[in-house]
Amino acid sequence: MVELQINTTQNVNINFIAASVGERILAYIIDLIIKFAYVIVTYQIMFNLFNINEFIEDMDQWSQIAVVVSFYLPVVFYSLIFETFLDGQTIGKRIMKIKVVKIDGYQASLADYLVRWFFRIVDLNMMSGIVALIAIVTSKKSQRLGDMTAGTSVISLKNNVNISHTILEELDDSYTPTYPNVIKLSDNDARIIKETYIRAKAARDYETLIKLRKKIIQVVEIKDFNDTDIQFIDTILKDYNYYTQGM
C-alpha cells in the first residue's frame, strides 16, 4: 500500500492511498471490454445493417481506409476523452473507484491527460503492458511513465479524506464573518488550531481550549468577543475559510 501526500492549492496536505496494481489492471480490463463491445456493435451497424461498403466502394483505397478508421477513433481516444470529461476517470476507473490526480494538488488539465494518453503507446501497448507494470511497482508514487511525465498518479477513492481532517470548514452561502483579522493567520496556524480544537473539545479539555483562545486573541489581535471558548474558536476557523477560500 503506497500513501501519497498531495499538497492542495490551499496548502493543505491530504493523504491518499495510491490505487493498487490490481485495481488499475481491473479498470483497464473493463475499459478494454467496453472498447471491444463498441467495435463489434459499430461493425454490425455500419457494415451489416447499413451496408456501408456500397457507399465507399467507388472511393480510392486511402479514402476507404479513412472512412473506416473514422468510425473507430473513439476507441483510439477512449481514455483521453473519458478522463477529460469525467474528471480523471474512465468508465473502468469509475467502477473501480480510482481516479487520476495531479500530485501537486492542482486540477489535472487536458494537456496532462494528453501526455498520459500519448505515453500509453510505450506503457501499455509495448510488451503487453509490462513496461507500465514495472514502472508502477518500482515507482515511489505508483506512477507509470505517462504519470511521471504528466506529474499525475492514480489514487483510490475508497479512502476519501473527511473535511474534518483538513483546515476546510463547511460554510453556508449566507455566512457572515465576524473577525476580519483572521487573515493574520497562516494555513499552518489554522491547521494547528483546528487539530488542537478538535482534540480538546472531544476530551472536554477546557484548560487547553482557554489557552488556545488566549493565543488566538493574541495573534489575531481581537479586543472584543462575547462567545464561549468553543463558539469563539469555531467562528475563527469558519472566518478564516471565508476570507481565504477565494484567494
Protein backbone atom coordinates (compact mmCIF):
# COMPACT_ATOMS: atom_id res chain seq x y z
CA MET A 1 0.00 0.00 0.00
CA VAL A 2 1.52 3.29 -1.17
CA GLU A 3 0.46 6.51 0.55
CA LEU A 4 0.53 9.74 -1.42
CA GLN A 5 0.64 13.15 0.22
CA ILE A 6 -0.91 15.78 -2.03
CA ASN A 7 -0.45 19.43 -1.21
CA THR A 8 -3.61 21.24 -2.31
CA THR A 9 -3.79 24.76 -3.71
CA GLN A 10 -4.79 25.89 -0.18
CA ASN A 11 -1.51 24.48 1.18
CA VAL A 12 -3.35 21.66 2.90
CA ASN A 13 -1.62 18.28 2.91
CA ILE A 14 -4.08 15.47 2.25
CA ASN A 15 -3.06 11.82 2.32
CA PHE A 16 -4.42 9.38 -0.23
CA ILE A 17 -3.76 5.73 -0.92
CA ALA A 18 -2.45 5.07 -4.41
CA ALA A 19 -4.58 2.71 -6.47
CA SER A 20 -3.15 -0.80 -6.36
CA VAL A 21 -1.81 -2.57 -9.44
CA GLY A 22 -4.77 -4.95 -9.24
CA GLU A 23 -7.30 -2.10 -9.25
CA ARG A 24 -5.63 -0.46 -12.23
CA ILE A 25 -5.48 -3.74 -14.17
CA LEU A 26 -9.17 -4.48 -13.49
CA ALA A 27 -10.11 -0.94 -14.60
CA TYR A 28 -8.05 -1.46 -17.77
CA ILE A 29 -9.79 -4.78 -18.48
CA ILE A 30 -13.24 -3.21 -18.00
CA ASP A 31 -12.30 -0.40 -20.41
CA LEU A 32 -10.93 -2.97 -22.86
CA ILE A 33 -14.23 -4.90 -22.79
CA ILE A 34 -16.14 -1.67 -23.44
CA LYS A 35 -13.88 -0.85 -26.40
CA PHE A 36 -14.29 -4.34 -27.86
CA ALA A 37 -18.07 -4.05 -27.45
CA TYR A 38 -18.01 -0.71 -29.28
CA VAL A 39 -16.01 -2.20 -32.17
CA ILE A 40 -18.38 -5.16 -32.54
CA VAL A 41 -21.55 -3.04 -32.34
CA THR A 42 -20.18 -0.43 -34.74
CA TYR A 43 -19.16 -3.13 -37.23
CA GLN A 44 -22.59 -4.75 -37.10
CA ILE A 45 -24.40 -1.45 -37.56
CA MET A 46 -22.22 0.11 -40.24
CA PHE A 47 -21.29 -2.93 -42.33
CA ASN A 48 -24.20 -5.32 -41.84
CA LEU A 49 -27.20 -3.09 -41.07
CA PHE A 50 -26.38 -0.09 -43.26
CA ASN A 51 -24.01 -1.96 -45.59
CA ILE A 52 -21.62 0.97 -45.84
CA ASN A 53 -19.46 -0.96 -48.32
CA GLU A 54 -21.87 0.05 -51.05
CA PHE A 55 -21.24 3.75 -50.33
CA ILE A 56 -17.45 3.59 -50.24
CA GLU A 57 -16.75 1.03 -52.94
CA ASP A 58 -16.27 3.78 -55.55
CA MET A 59 -13.68 5.57 -53.39
CA ASP A 60 -9.96 5.03 -53.69
CA GLN A 61 -8.27 2.73 -51.18
CA TRP A 62 -6.96 5.51 -48.93
CA SER A 63 -10.37 7.16 -48.75
CA GLN A 64 -11.98 3.86 -47.81
CA ILE A 65 -9.41 3.36 -45.04
CA ALA A 66 -10.04 6.93 -43.78
CA VAL A 67 -13.81 6.33 -43.58
CA VAL A 68 -13.43 3.02 -41.74
CA VAL A 69 -10.83 4.39 -39.33
CA SER A 70 -13.04 7.40 -38.51
CA PHE A 71 -15.66 5.05 -37.04
CA TYR A 72 -13.08 3.61 -34.65
CA LEU A 73 -11.47 6.86 -33.49
CA PRO A 74 -13.45 6.77 -30.19
CA VAL A 75 -11.57 3.56 -29.34
CA VAL A 76 -8.21 5.20 -30.05
CA PHE A 77 -9.02 8.28 -27.95
CA TYR A 78 -11.13 6.44 -25.37
CA SER A 79 -9.03 7.18 -22.26
CA LEU A 80 -8.32 10.77 -23.31
CA ILE A 81 -12.00 11.54 -23.89
CA PHE A 82 -13.30 9.99 -20.69
CA GLU A 83 -10.52 11.21 -18.39
CA THR A 84 -11.06 14.73 -19.70
CA PHE A 85 -14.84 14.78 -19.30
CA LEU A 86 -15.15 12.53 -16.23
CA ASP A 87 -12.54 14.43 -14.20
CA GLY A 88 -9.74 11.87 -14.35
CA GLN A 89 -11.81 8.72 -14.72
CA THR A 90 -12.67 6.29 -17.48
CA ILE A 91 -15.71 4.04 -17.06
CA GLY A 92 -13.41 1.32 -15.74
CA LYS A 93 -11.78 3.67 -13.25
CA ARG A 94 -15.18 4.92 -12.10
CA ILE A 95 -16.39 1.37 -11.47
CA MET A 96 -13.17 0.56 -9.57
CA LYS A 97 -13.39 3.88 -7.70
CA ILE A 98 -9.97 5.13 -8.73
CA LYS A 99 -9.02 8.45 -10.29
CA VAL A 100 -6.17 10.33 -11.97
CA VAL A 101 -4.97 13.34 -9.94
CA LYS A 102 -2.10 15.82 -10.08
CA ILE A 103 0.44 15.16 -7.35
CA ASP A 104 0.99 18.91 -6.89
CA GLY A 105 -2.62 19.46 -5.84
CA TYR A 106 -3.75 21.30 -8.96
CA GLN A 107 -6.58 20.18 -11.20
CA ALA A 108 -5.33 17.92 -14.00
CA SER A 109 -5.69 19.64 -17.38
CA LEU A 110 -6.32 18.43 -20.91
CA ALA A 111 -2.56 18.65 -21.52
CA ASP A 112 -1.90 16.28 -18.60
CA TYR A 113 -4.44 13.75 -19.86
CA LEU A 114 -2.99 14.11 -23.37
CA VAL A 115 0.52 13.29 -22.11
CA ARG A 116 -0.80 10.23 -20.23
CA TRP A 117 -2.69 9.11 -23.34
CA PHE A 118 0.34 9.55 -25.61
CA PHE A 119 2.62 7.52 -23.32
CA ARG A 120 0.15 4.63 -23.40
CA ILE A 121 1.99 3.68 -26.61
CA VAL A 122 5.06 2.87 -24.52
CA ASP A 123 3.41 1.97 -21.21
CA LEU A 124 0.59 -0.32 -22.31
CA ASN A 125 0.91 -1.13 -25.99
CA MET A 126 4.56 -2.21 -25.98
CA MET A 127 5.42 -5.57 -24.39
CA SER A 128 1.75 -6.08 -23.41
CA GLY A 129 1.86 -3.58 -20.56
CA ILE A 130 5.00 -4.96 -18.90
CA VAL A 131 6.62 -1.51 -19.06
CA ALA A 132 3.72 0.08 -17.18
CA LEU A 133 3.66 -2.73 -14.61
CA ILE A 134 7.37 -2.42 -13.87
CA ALA A 135 7.14 1.38 -13.64
CA ILE A 136 4.18 1.29 -11.22
CA VAL A 137 5.72 -1.35 -8.97
CA THR A 138 9.13 0.35 -8.78
CA SER A 139 7.88 3.96 -8.57
CA LYS A 140 7.60 5.53 -5.11
CA LYS A 141 4.28 7.11 -6.15
CA SER A 142 2.88 4.18 -8.17
CA GLN A 143 3.32 6.03 -11.46
CA ARG A 144 3.67 4.65 -14.94
CA LEU A 145 5.82 6.58 -17.42
CA GLY A 146 2.86 8.67 -18.57
CA ASP A 147 2.13 9.65 -14.96
CA MET A 148 5.75 10.58 -14.30
CA THR A 149 5.82 12.82 -17.36
CA ALA A 150 2.44 14.44 -16.67
CA GLY A 151 3.01 14.78 -12.90
CA THR A 152 -0.03 12.63 -12.10
CA SER A 153 -0.84 9.47 -10.21
CA VAL A 154 -3.88 7.25 -9.76
CA ILE A 155 -5.48 7.23 -6.32
CA SER A 156 -8.15 5.15 -4.65
CA LEU A 157 -11.37 7.00 -3.81
CA LYS A 158 -12.31 4.38 -1.24
CA ASN A 159 -10.41 6.33 1.41
CA ASN A 160 -11.66 9.86 0.80
CA VAL A 161 -10.46 12.25 3.48
CA ASN A 162 -13.22 13.80 5.51
CA ILE A 163 -13.31 17.59 5.59
CA SER A 164 -12.68 17.44 9.34
CA HIS A 165 -9.16 16.21 8.58
CA THR A 166 -8.26 19.47 6.82
CA ILE A 167 -8.44 23.17 7.63
CA LEU A 168 -11.56 23.42 5.46
CA GLU A 169 -14.93 24.22 7.00
CA GLU A 170 -18.44 23.82 5.62
CA LEU A 171 -19.88 27.30 5.07
CA ASP A 172 -23.40 28.34 4.08
CA ASP A 173 -23.71 30.80 1.20
CA SER A 174 -25.29 33.23 3.65
CA TYR A 175 -22.43 33.01 6.16
CA THR A 176 -21.32 36.39 7.58
CA PRO A 177 -17.80 36.60 9.09
CA THR A 178 -17.16 38.15 12.49
CA TYR A 179 -13.39 38.63 12.78
CA PRO A 180 -11.69 40.09 9.66
CA ASN A 181 -8.31 39.96 11.44
CA VAL A 182 -8.17 36.17 10.99
CA ILE A 183 -6.24 36.82 7.79
CA LYS A 184 -3.22 37.32 10.06
CA LEU A 185 -3.21 33.54 10.49
CA SER A 186 -1.38 31.23 8.11
CA ASP A 187 -2.69 27.92 6.76
CA ASN A 188 -0.37 26.16 9.18
CA ASP A 189 -1.76 28.22 12.08
CA ALA A 190 -5.32 27.34 11.09
CA ARG A 191 -4.44 23.65 10.79
CA ILE A 192 -2.83 23.58 14.25
CA ILE A 193 -5.78 25.47 15.75
CA LYS A 194 -8.29 23.05 14.24
CA GLU A 195 -6.39 19.91 15.27
CA THR A 196 -5.95 21.19 18.84
CA TYR A 197 -9.57 22.36 18.99
CA ILE A 198 -10.97 19.01 17.85
CA ARG A 199 -8.85 17.03 20.32
CA ALA A 200 -9.56 19.35 23.26
CA LYS A 201 -13.29 19.51 22.51
CA ALA A 202 -13.57 15.72 22.26
CA ALA A 203 -11.68 15.27 25.55
CA ARG A 204 -13.52 18.14 27.23
CA ASP A 205 -10.13 19.65 27.96
CA TYR A 206 -11.38 23.13 28.83
CA GLU A 207 -7.98 24.27 30.06
CA THR A 208 -6.48 23.70 26.62
CA LEU A 209 -9.44 25.47 24.98
CA ILE A 210 -8.87 28.51 27.20
CA LYS A 211 -5.15 28.58 26.34
CA LEU A 212 -5.96 28.19 22.64
CA ARG A 213 -8.49 31.02 22.78
CA LYS A 214 -5.99 33.31 24.52
CA LYS A 215 -3.31 32.52 21.94
CA ILE A 216 -5.68 33.25 19.06
CA ILE A 217 -6.71 36.57 20.61
CA GLN A 218 -3.05 37.49 20.99
CA VAL A 219 -2.07 36.61 17.42
CA VAL A 220 -5.22 37.89 15.69
CA GLU A 221 -5.39 40.94 17.95
CA ILE A 222 -9.06 40.66 18.86
CA LYS A 223 -10.21 43.05 21.55
CA ASP A 224 -13.86 42.18 21.96
CA PHE A 225 -15.85 38.90 21.87
CA ASN A 226 -18.89 37.54 23.66
CA ASP A 227 -18.84 33.86 22.67
CA THR A 228 -17.82 30.84 24.72
CA ASP A 229 -14.38 29.38 24.02
CA ILE A 230 -15.83 26.68 21.76
CA GLN A 231 -18.07 29.11 19.84
CA PHE A 232 -15.21 31.59 19.50
CA ILE A 233 -12.72 29.08 18.07
CA ASP A 234 -15.35 27.60 15.77
CA THR A 235 -16.11 31.10 14.44
CA ILE A 236 -12.39 31.81 13.95
CA LEU A 237 -12.00 28.70 11.80
CA LYS A 238 -15.09 29.50 9.73
CA ASP A 239 -14.00 33.13 9.28
CA TYR A 240 -10.54 32.02 8.17
CA ASN A 241 -12.06 29.82 5.48
CA TYR A 242 -14.44 32.58 4.45
CA TYR A 243 -11.63 35.06 3.81
CA THR A 244 -9.12 32.64 2.28
CA GLN A 245 -11.22 30.30 0.15
CA GLY A 246 -11.23 32.76 -2.76
CA MET A 247 -7.50 33.54 -2.63
